[in-house]
Amino acid sequence: MLKQSINLLNVLFLFFFSACGNFDEIKSNPRASGVVFEFDFEAIKEDVFKPNNCTECHKQYNDYSTVRKLSNKILSAVLENRMPKNGPAVSFEQKQKLTKWVNDGAPEFKEANGEFVEETLEPNWESIFKNVISLKCLDCHNPERKIGGLDFSTLETFRDTENRLIIKPSPFLDTQNPANSYLISIITDPNFPMPPSDSNIDGVSLEEVGVIMEWIKNGLKETVKD
């Protein structure tokens, strides 16, 4: 009976706060100088993520731009008690704080200093890692988990994937013909794409695939300066 009451409370909490703001898309709040928010990213890291060991499993949650892009998904998982997976549910107070922060537009700082500008995806490792791999691949392919024996946490370990794959009908990264790369075939597979369709992680978009192919063709540059 107590468990049912707690679940009902969480459902009501989720409904109430998602109704207060746009839950499917981060609200585009004005960021005129002088606006002060109740919570900033540092407060969310210290008061919500760290006490619940979120950054231990998801090291990319230390990066603001990554968390901002995932903020609605993170909030949904927390309110529905799907996160953290191996620990007690996030407290009611922490859920309130996270919800307020997301509904405020997930500000980086308490005092607004202009509208947040989304980064443009560029054909280099630094940009692709930050905007694609850390968001869509790193949960499964990191130094701790290495699902399939694969670690995408650095460019060096990413390149080493070629030597770790047991089955590879084509080169993992084909610089002569990027479309022939095994990487491209698995992220665009219509039946069994990566990330898996049941993972609650957005698939790699056509635009992202195009940039990744350009990166492969250009020789896997690490930064925009290379």
Foldseek 3Di string as FASTA:
>chain_A
DVVVVVQVVLVVVVVVLCVVAPLVDQDQDWQPFPQFAPDALVCLCVPPCVVQVVCVLQVLSVPQLLCLVCLSVVLVCLSNVVPPVPDDHTDPVSSVVSSSCRNNRRHHHRGGDGGDDRDDQALAQVRCCSPPCSQFPQSQADPVHCVLVAHPPDPVSNQCVQVSHPDDPAGCQDLVQRCRHSVLCQLPPPPAHGVGPPPSGDGQDPVSSVSPSVSSNVPRHHDPVD
